[in-house]
Amino acid sequence: MPISRRAVLSAPALLIIGCAPAAISPERLAVEAALPPSAPTLIYVSAPDCPFCRDFQQFYRPAFEQGPVRAKLRFRELVAGSLSQGHADATWPAELRWVRDERVRRGMRSGTPAWSLVRGDTLLEGAWGLGEWRRVMVPRLEREVSAA
């Protein structure tokens, strides 16, 4: 039986490493479980050998995690084997590959770090690199959650 994109994106949060889910905090699970099905999902693709991913983790992610926007959206993290494998099948679970494919179709840059903002079956925005995180994704996240 095929899995619906909406069901995957509205399921309780998973941290996805390759395709294996890892545990996240019970508090975060509770927050995400309480979100309406229409809440957007932010997919973040990182890699252990990506210096810009480490910068995001150290300088940007803490403020994002504690900010008001984070409480209004779902978050999925995909960890690529290396910074050049951000679009590899092994990085993307089968039920989320449509997001990757849509990024490619739209000519969005590949690699890490990358973010995709999704609502239901629609890719709303994509960003690559810390510059696009600040210039493109953060303002779009703020607009999406304020409109909800």
N, C-alpha and C. Protein backbone atom coordinates (compact mmCIF):
# COMPACT_ATOMS: atom_id res chain seq x y z
N MET A 1 0.84 -1.17 0.00
CA MET A 1 0.00 0.00 0.00
C MET A 1 0.89 1.24 0.00
N PRO A 2 0.71 2.17 -0.93
CA PRO A 2 1.53 3.37 -0.96
C PRO A 2 1.27 4.26 0.26
N ILE A 3 2.32 4.95 0.66
CA ILE A 3 2.21 5.86 1.79
C ILE A 3 1.95 7.26 1.24
N SER A 4 0.98 7.94 1.80
CA SER A 4 0.68 9.29 1.32
C SER A 4 1.73 10.27 1.82
N ARG A 5 2.08 11.23 0.99
CA ARG A 5 3.04 12.26 1.37
C ARG A 5 2.55 13.01 2.59
N ARG A 6 1.28 13.34 2.60
CA ARG A 6 0.71 14.09 3.72
C ARG A 6 0.85 13.31 5.02
N ALA A 7 0.62 12.00 4.98
CA ALA A 7 0.73 11.18 6.19
C ALA A 7 2.16 11.15 6.70
N VAL A 8 3.12 11.05 5.79
CA VAL A 8 4.52 11.02 6.20
C VAL A 8 4.92 12.34 6.83
N LEU A 9 4.50 13.44 6.24
CA LEU A 9 4.91 14.75 6.73
C LEU A 9 4.17 15.16 7.99
N SER A 10 2.99 14.61 8.23
CA SER A 10 2.25 14.98 9.42
C SER A 10 2.43 13.98 10.56
N ALA A 11 3.22 12.93 10.32
CA ALA A 11 3.48 11.94 11.37
C ALA A 11 4.34 12.58 12.46
N PRO A 12 4.34 12.01 13.66
CA PRO A 12 5.23 12.53 14.69
C PRO A 12 6.66 12.62 14.16
N ALA A 13 7.39 13.57 14.67
CA ALA A 13 8.73 13.89 14.16
C ALA A 13 9.69 12.72 14.24
N LEU A 14 10.50 12.60 13.22
CA LEU A 14 11.60 11.64 13.20
C LEU A 14 12.85 12.38 12.79
N LEU A 15 13.95 12.07 13.42
CA LEU A 15 15.24 12.51 12.93
C LEU A 15 15.69 11.38 12.02
N ILE A 16 15.92 11.67 10.77
CA ILE A 16 16.22 10.62 9.82
C ILE A 16 17.69 10.67 9.47
N ILE A 17 18.40 9.61 9.76
CA ILE A 17 19.81 9.49 9.43
C ILE A 17 19.89 8.38 8.40
N GLY A 18 20.27 8.75 7.18
CA GLY A 18 20.13 7.81 6.09
C GLY A 18 18.64 7.56 5.98
N CYS A 19 18.21 6.38 6.25
CA CYS A 19 16.77 6.10 6.27
C CYS A 19 16.34 5.55 7.62
N ALA A 20 17.22 5.58 8.61
CA ALA A 20 16.89 5.01 9.92
C ALA A 20 16.47 6.12 10.88
N PRO A 21 15.24 6.04 11.42
CA PRO A 21 14.83 7.07 12.36
C PRO A 21 15.58 6.97 13.68
N ALA A 22 15.88 8.12 14.27
CA ALA A 22 16.50 8.17 15.58
C ALA A 22 15.56 8.91 16.52
N ALA A 23 15.74 8.67 17.79
CA ALA A 23 14.83 9.26 18.79
C ALA A 23 15.02 10.77 18.89
N ILE A 24 13.92 11.47 19.16
CA ILE A 24 13.98 12.88 19.50
C ILE A 24 13.29 13.05 20.84
N SER A 25 13.38 14.22 21.40
CA SER A 25 12.86 14.40 22.75
C SER A 25 11.34 14.21 22.81
N PRO A 26 10.86 13.66 23.92
CA PRO A 26 9.41 13.50 24.08
C PRO A 26 8.68 14.84 24.04
N GLU A 27 9.32 15.90 24.52
CA GLU A 27 8.69 17.22 24.50
C GLU A 27 8.45 17.67 23.06
N ARG A 28 9.46 17.49 22.21
CA ARG A 28 9.34 17.90 20.80
C ARG A 28 8.30 17.04 20.09
N LEU A 29 8.26 15.76 20.40
CA LEU A 29 7.24 14.89 19.82
C LEU A 29 5.84 15.38 20.17
N ALA A 30 5.66 15.78 21.43
CA ALA A 30 4.34 16.25 21.88
C ALA A 30 3.95 17.53 21.15
N VAL A 31 4.90 18.44 20.98
CA VAL A 31 4.62 19.71 20.28
C VAL A 31 4.21 19.42 18.84
N GLU A 32 4.96 18.57 18.17
CA GLU A 32 4.64 18.28 16.77
C GLU A 32 3.35 17.49 16.63
N ALA A 33 3.07 16.59 17.57
CA ALA A 33 1.84 15.81 17.50
C ALA A 33 0.61 16.71 17.64
N ALA A 34 0.76 17.82 18.34
CA ALA A 34 -0.37 18.74 18.54
C ALA A 34 -0.59 19.69 17.36
N LEU A 35 0.34 19.72 16.42
CA LEU A 35 0.19 20.61 15.26
C LEU A 35 -0.93 20.14 14.36
N PRO A 36 -1.62 21.06 13.70
CA PRO A 36 -2.66 20.65 12.75
C PRO A 36 -2.03 19.96 11.54
N PRO A 37 -2.78 19.11 10.86
CA PRO A 37 -2.25 18.43 9.68
C PRO A 37 -1.73 19.39 8.61
N SER A 38 -2.25 20.60 8.59
CA SER A 38 -1.83 21.57 7.57
C SER A 38 -0.53 22.30 7.92
N ALA A 39 0.05 22.02 9.07
CA ALA A 39 1.29 22.69 9.46
C ALA A 39 2.40 22.35 8.48
N PRO A 40 3.25 23.32 8.15
CA PRO A 40 4.34 23.04 7.22
C PRO A 40 5.41 22.16 7.86
N THR A 41 6.22 21.55 7.01
CA THR A 41 7.34 20.72 7.43
C THR A 41 8.61 21.30 6.82
N LEU A 42 9.63 21.46 7.65
CA LEU A 42 10.94 21.89 7.18
C LEU A 42 11.85 20.67 7.17
N ILE A 43 12.41 20.38 6.00
CA ILE A 43 13.35 19.26 5.85
C ILE A 43 14.75 19.86 5.72
N TYR A 44 15.63 19.42 6.59
CA TYR A 44 17.02 19.92 6.62
C TYR A 44 17.95 18.78 6.24
N VAL A 45 18.81 19.00 5.25
CA VAL A 45 19.79 18.01 4.81
C VAL A 45 21.17 18.48 5.23
N SER A 46 21.83 17.66 6.04
CA SER A 46 23.17 17.99 6.53
C SER A 46 24.11 16.83 6.23
N ALA A 47 25.38 17.01 6.58
CA ALA A 47 26.38 15.95 6.43
C ALA A 47 27.47 16.15 7.48
N PRO A 48 28.05 15.07 7.96
CA PRO A 48 29.05 15.20 9.01
C PRO A 48 30.33 15.92 8.56
N ASP A 49 30.65 15.88 7.26
CA ASP A 49 31.87 16.54 6.78
C ASP A 49 31.59 17.92 6.18
N CYS A 50 30.44 18.48 6.47
CA CYS A 50 30.04 19.78 5.93
C CYS A 50 30.33 20.88 6.95
N PRO A 51 31.32 21.74 6.69
CA PRO A 51 31.63 22.80 7.66
C PRO A 51 30.49 23.80 7.82
N PHE A 52 29.72 24.02 6.77
CA PHE A 52 28.61 24.97 6.86
C PHE A 52 27.46 24.39 7.67
N CYS A 53 27.32 23.04 7.63
CA CYS A 53 26.32 22.38 8.48
C CYS A 53 26.71 22.54 9.94
N ARG A 54 28.00 22.40 10.23
CA ARG A 54 28.46 22.59 11.61
C ARG A 54 28.21 24.03 12.06
N ASP A 55 28.42 24.98 11.15
CA ASP A 55 28.13 26.39 11.49
C ASP A 55 26.64 26.57 11.77
N PHE A 56 25.79 25.95 10.94
CA PHE A 56 24.36 26.04 11.18
C PHE A 56 24.02 25.47 12.55
N GLN A 57 24.56 24.28 12.84
CA GLN A 57 24.30 23.63 14.12
C GLN A 57 24.73 24.51 15.30
N GLN A 58 25.86 25.16 15.17
CA GLN A 58 26.40 25.94 16.28
C GLN A 58 25.79 27.33 16.39
N PHE A 59 25.63 28.02 15.28
CA PHE A 59 25.27 29.44 15.32
C PHE A 59 23.80 29.75 15.01
N TYR A 60 23.13 28.93 14.24
CA TYR A 60 21.76 29.24 13.80
C TYR A 60 20.70 28.32 14.39
N ARG A 61 21.01 27.05 14.48
CA ARG A 61 19.99 26.09 14.93
C ARG A 61 19.50 26.33 16.35
N PRO A 62 20.36 26.66 17.32
CA PRO A 62 19.84 26.89 18.67
C PRO A 62 18.76 27.97 18.72
N ALA A 63 18.97 29.08 18.04
CA ALA A 63 17.97 30.15 18.02
C ALA A 63 16.71 29.68 17.30
N PHE A 64 16.88 28.93 16.21
CA PHE A 64 15.73 28.40 15.48
C PHE A 64 14.93 27.46 16.38
N GLU A 65 15.60 26.54 17.05
CA GLU A 65 14.92 25.56 17.90
C GLU A 65 14.15 26.22 19.05
N GLN A 66 14.66 27.33 19.55
CA GLN A 66 14.02 28.01 20.68
C GLN A 66 13.03 29.09 20.23
N GLY A 67 13.00 29.39 18.95
CA GLY A 67 12.17 30.49 18.46
C GLY A 67 10.71 30.13 18.25
N PRO A 68 9.88 31.14 18.04
CA PRO A 68 8.44 30.92 17.88
C PRO A 68 8.06 30.20 16.59
N VAL A 69 8.88 30.33 15.56
CA VAL A 69 8.57 29.67 14.28
C VAL A 69 8.66 28.16 14.43
N ARG A 70 9.67 27.70 15.13
CA ARG A 70 9.90 26.24 15.27
C ARG A 70 8.69 25.54 15.89
N ALA A 71 8.03 26.19 16.82
CA ALA A 71 6.90 25.57 17.51
C ALA A 71 5.70 25.36 16.60
N LYS A 72 5.72 25.98 15.41
CA LYS A 72 4.56 25.91 14.52
C LYS A 72 4.79 25.07 13.27
N LEU A 73 5.91 24.34 13.24
CA LEU A 73 6.16 23.50 12.07
C LEU A 73 6.82 22.19 12.48
N ARG A 74 6.71 21.24 11.58
CA ARG A 74 7.39 19.96 11.76
C ARG A 74 8.81 20.10 11.21
N PHE A 75 9.70 19.26 11.71
CA PHE A 75 11.10 19.34 11.31
C PHE A 75 11.62 17.93 11.07
N ARG A 76 12.25 17.73 9.93
CA ARG A 76 12.90 16.46 9.60
C ARG A 76 14.35 16.77 9.25
N GLU A 77 15.26 15.99 9.78
CA GLU A 77 16.67 16.14 9.43
C GLU A 77 17.12 14.88 8.72
N LEU A 78 17.71 15.06 7.55
CA LEU A 78 18.29 13.97 6.77
C LEU A 78 19.79 14.17 6.79
N VAL A 79 20.53 13.14 7.15
CA VAL A 79 21.98 13.25 7.23
C VAL A 79 22.59 12.45 6.10
N ALA A 80 23.23 13.16 5.17
CA ALA A 80 23.89 12.52 4.04
C ALA A 80 25.21 11.92 4.50
N GLY A 81 25.71 10.94 3.75
CA GLY A 81 27.00 10.34 4.08
C GLY A 81 28.14 11.33 3.98
N SER A 82 28.04 12.27 3.04
CA SER A 82 29.03 13.33 2.89
C SER A 82 28.35 14.53 2.23
N LEU A 83 29.03 15.66 2.25
CA LEU A 83 28.41 16.89 1.73
C LEU A 83 28.04 16.81 0.26
N SER A 84 28.68 15.93 -0.49
CA SER A 84 28.34 15.79 -1.91
C SER A 84 27.18 14.82 -2.15
N GLN A 85 26.64 14.21 -1.10
CA GLN A 85 25.59 13.21 -1.26
C GLN A 85 24.22 13.71 -0.80
N GLY A 86 24.02 15.00 -0.80
CA GLY A 86 22.75 15.56 -0.35
C GLY A 86 21.54 15.12 -1.17
N HIS A 87 21.76 14.76 -2.43
CA HIS A 87 20.65 14.31 -3.29
C HIS A 87 20.65 12.80 -3.52
N ALA A 88 21.54 12.07 -2.85
CA ALA A 88 21.64 10.62 -3.06
C ALA A 88 20.40 9.90 -2.53
N ASP A 89 20.02 8.82 -3.21
CA ASP A 89 18.89 8.02 -2.76
C ASP A 89 19.06 7.58 -1.31
N ALA A 90 20.28 7.23 -0.92
CA ALA A 90 20.54 6.75 0.44
C ALA A 90 20.24 7.83 1.48
N THR A 91 20.29 9.08 1.10
CA THR A 91 20.01 10.18 2.03
C THR A 91 18.52 10.37 2.22
N TRP A 92 17.75 10.17 1.17
CA TRP A 92 16.32 10.47 1.18
C TRP A 92 15.49 9.20 1.32
N PRO A 93 14.68 9.09 2.37
CA PRO A 93 13.75 7.96 2.46
C PRO A 93 12.82 7.99 1.24
N ALA A 94 12.39 6.84 0.80
CA ALA A 94 11.56 6.74 -0.41
C ALA A 94 10.35 7.68 -0.36
N GLU A 95 9.72 7.80 0.81
CA GLU A 95 8.50 8.61 0.90
C GLU A 95 8.78 10.11 0.84
N LEU A 96 10.04 10.52 0.90
CA LEU A 96 10.38 11.95 0.80
C LEU A 96 11.14 12.29 -0.48
N ARG A 97 11.44 11.31 -1.30
CA ARG A 97 12.23 11.58 -2.51
C ARG A 97 11.52 12.52 -3.48
N TRP A 98 10.21 12.60 -3.41
CA TRP A 98 9.50 13.54 -4.27
C TRP A 98 9.96 14.98 -4.00
N VAL A 99 10.33 15.28 -2.76
CA VAL A 99 10.82 16.62 -2.41
C VAL A 99 12.15 16.85 -3.12
N ARG A 100 13.06 15.90 -3.00
CA ARG A 100 14.35 15.99 -3.69
C ARG A 100 14.15 16.13 -5.18
N ASP A 101 13.27 15.31 -5.75
CA ASP A 101 13.03 15.34 -7.19
C ASP A 101 12.46 16.69 -7.64
N GLU A 102 11.61 17.27 -6.83
CA GLU A 102 11.04 18.58 -7.15
C GLU A 102 12.11 19.66 -7.07
N ARG A 103 13.01 19.56 -6.09
CA ARG A 103 14.13 20.51 -6.02
C ARG A 103 14.97 20.43 -7.29
N VAL A 104 15.25 19.22 -7.74
CA VAL A 104 16.04 19.04 -8.96
C VAL A 104 15.29 19.61 -10.15
N ARG A 105 13.99 19.31 -10.25
CA ARG A 105 13.18 19.80 -11.37
C ARG A 105 13.19 21.31 -11.44
N ARG A 106 13.19 21.96 -10.28
CA ARG A 106 13.19 23.43 -10.23
C ARG A 106 14.58 24.03 -10.37
N GLY A 107 15.60 23.19 -10.48
CA GLY A 107 16.95 23.70 -10.65
C GLY A 107 17.59 24.22 -9.38
N MET A 108 17.10 23.77 -8.22
CA MET A 108 17.69 24.21 -6.96
C MET A 108 19.02 23.50 -6.74
N ARG A 109 19.93 24.18 -6.09
CA ARG A 109 21.26 23.63 -5.86
C ARG A 109 21.19 22.41 -4.96
N SER A 110 22.13 21.49 -5.20
CA SER A 110 22.21 20.29 -4.37
C SER A 110 23.38 20.43 -3.41
N GLY A 111 23.56 19.47 -2.56
CA GLY A 111 24.62 19.50 -1.57
C GLY A 111 24.05 19.86 -0.21
N THR A 112 24.95 20.19 0.71
CA THR A 112 24.54 20.50 2.07
C THR A 112 25.21 21.79 2.52
N PRO A 113 24.60 22.50 3.43
CA PRO A 113 23.28 22.29 4.00
C PRO A 113 22.19 22.76 3.04
N ALA A 114 21.05 22.10 3.13
CA ALA A 114 19.91 22.47 2.30
C ALA A 114 18.63 22.31 3.12
N TRP A 115 17.66 23.15 2.80
CA TRP A 115 16.37 23.14 3.49
C TRP A 115 15.26 23.14 2.45
N SER A 116 14.20 22.39 2.74
CA SER A 116 13.01 22.37 1.89
C SER A 116 11.80 22.57 2.80
N LEU A 117 10.99 23.55 2.45
CA LEU A 117 9.77 23.82 3.20
C LEU A 117 8.61 23.24 2.41
N VAL A 118 7.85 22.36 3.06
CA VAL A 118 6.78 21.60 2.40
C VAL A 118 5.49 21.78 3.18
N ARG A 119 4.40 21.90 2.45
CA ARG A 119 3.07 21.85 3.06
C ARG A 119 2.27 20.85 2.22
N GLY A 120 1.86 19.75 2.87
CA GLY A 120 1.14 18.72 2.13
C GLY A 120 1.99 18.15 1.01
N ASP A 121 1.47 18.22 -0.20
CA ASP A 121 2.18 17.70 -1.38
C ASP A 121 2.89 18.79 -2.17
N THR A 122 3.15 19.92 -1.54
CA THR A 122 3.71 21.06 -2.26
C THR A 122 5.03 21.52 -1.65
N LEU A 123 6.05 21.64 -2.50
CA LEU A 123 7.30 22.25 -2.09
C LEU A 123 7.12 23.75 -2.17
N LEU A 124 7.14 24.41 -1.02
CA LEU A 124 6.91 25.86 -0.97
C LEU A 124 8.18 26.65 -1.24
N GLU A 125 9.30 26.17 -0.72
CA GLU A 125 10.56 26.91 -0.83
C GLU A 125 11.72 25.97 -0.64
N GLY A 126 12.84 26.30 -1.23
CA GLY A 126 14.08 25.57 -1.03
C GLY A 126 15.21 26.55 -0.83
N ALA A 127 16.17 26.16 -0.02
CA ALA A 127 17.34 27.01 0.22
C ALA A 127 18.57 26.12 0.34
N TRP A 128 19.70 26.66 -0.05
CA TRP A 128 20.97 25.95 0.03
C TRP A 128 22.01 26.92 0.58
N GLY A 129 22.75 26.49 1.56
CA GLY A 129 23.81 27.32 2.13
C GLY A 129 23.27 28.28 3.18
N LEU A 130 24.17 28.77 3.99
CA LEU A 130 23.78 29.65 5.09
C LEU A 130 23.24 30.99 4.61
N GLY A 131 23.74 31.49 3.50
CA GLY A 131 23.23 32.74 2.95
C GLY A 131 21.76 32.63 2.59
N GLU A 132 21.39 31.54 1.91
CA GLU A 132 19.98 31.35 1.55
C GLU A 132 19.14 31.01 2.78
N TRP A 133 19.73 30.36 3.79
CA TRP A 133 18.99 30.15 5.04
C TRP A 133 18.53 31.50 5.58
N ARG A 134 19.44 32.46 5.66
CA ARG A 134 19.12 33.78 6.21
C ARG A 134 18.23 34.61 5.27
N ARG A 135 18.58 34.65 3.99
CA ARG A 135 17.89 35.53 3.05
C ARG A 135 16.57 34.98 2.53
N VAL A 136 16.48 33.65 2.38
CA VAL A 136 15.33 33.04 1.72
C VAL A 136 14.46 32.27 2.71
N MET A 137 15.07 31.33 3.42
CA MET A 137 14.25 30.41 4.21
C MET A 137 13.69 31.04 5.47
N VAL A 138 14.47 31.77 6.22
CA VAL A 138 13.95 32.35 7.46
C VAL A 138 12.76 33.27 7.19
N PRO A 139 12.84 34.19 6.23
CA PRO A 139 11.66 35.02 5.96
C PRO A 139 10.45 34.20 5.49
N ARG A 140 10.69 33.16 4.69
CA ARG A 140 9.58 32.33 4.22
C ARG A 140 8.94 31.57 5.37
N LEU A 141 9.75 31.05 6.28
CA LEU A 141 9.23 30.36 7.46
C LEU A 141 8.35 31.30 8.27
N GLU A 142 8.84 32.50 8.48
CA GLU A 142 8.08 33.49 9.25
C GLU A 142 6.75 33.80 8.58
N ARG A 143 6.75 33.97 7.25
CA ARG A 143 5.50 34.23 6.53
C ARG A 143 4.53 33.07 6.64
N GLU A 144 5.04 31.85 6.47
CA GLU A 144 4.17 30.67 6.48
C GLU A 144 3.50 30.48 7.83
N VAL A 145 4.26 30.61 8.90
CA VAL A 145 3.65 30.35 10.21
C VAL A 145 2.78 31.52 10.69
N SER A 146 3.08 32.72 10.21
CA SER A 146 2.21 33.84 10.60
C SER A 146 0.88 33.81 9.84
N ALA A 147 0.88 33.20 8.66
CA ALA A 147 -0.34 33.10 7.86
C ALA A 147 -1.25 31.99 8.38
N ALA A 148 -0.69 31.07 9.13
CA ALA A 148 -1.47 29.91 9.61
C ALA A 148 -2.38 30.28 10.77
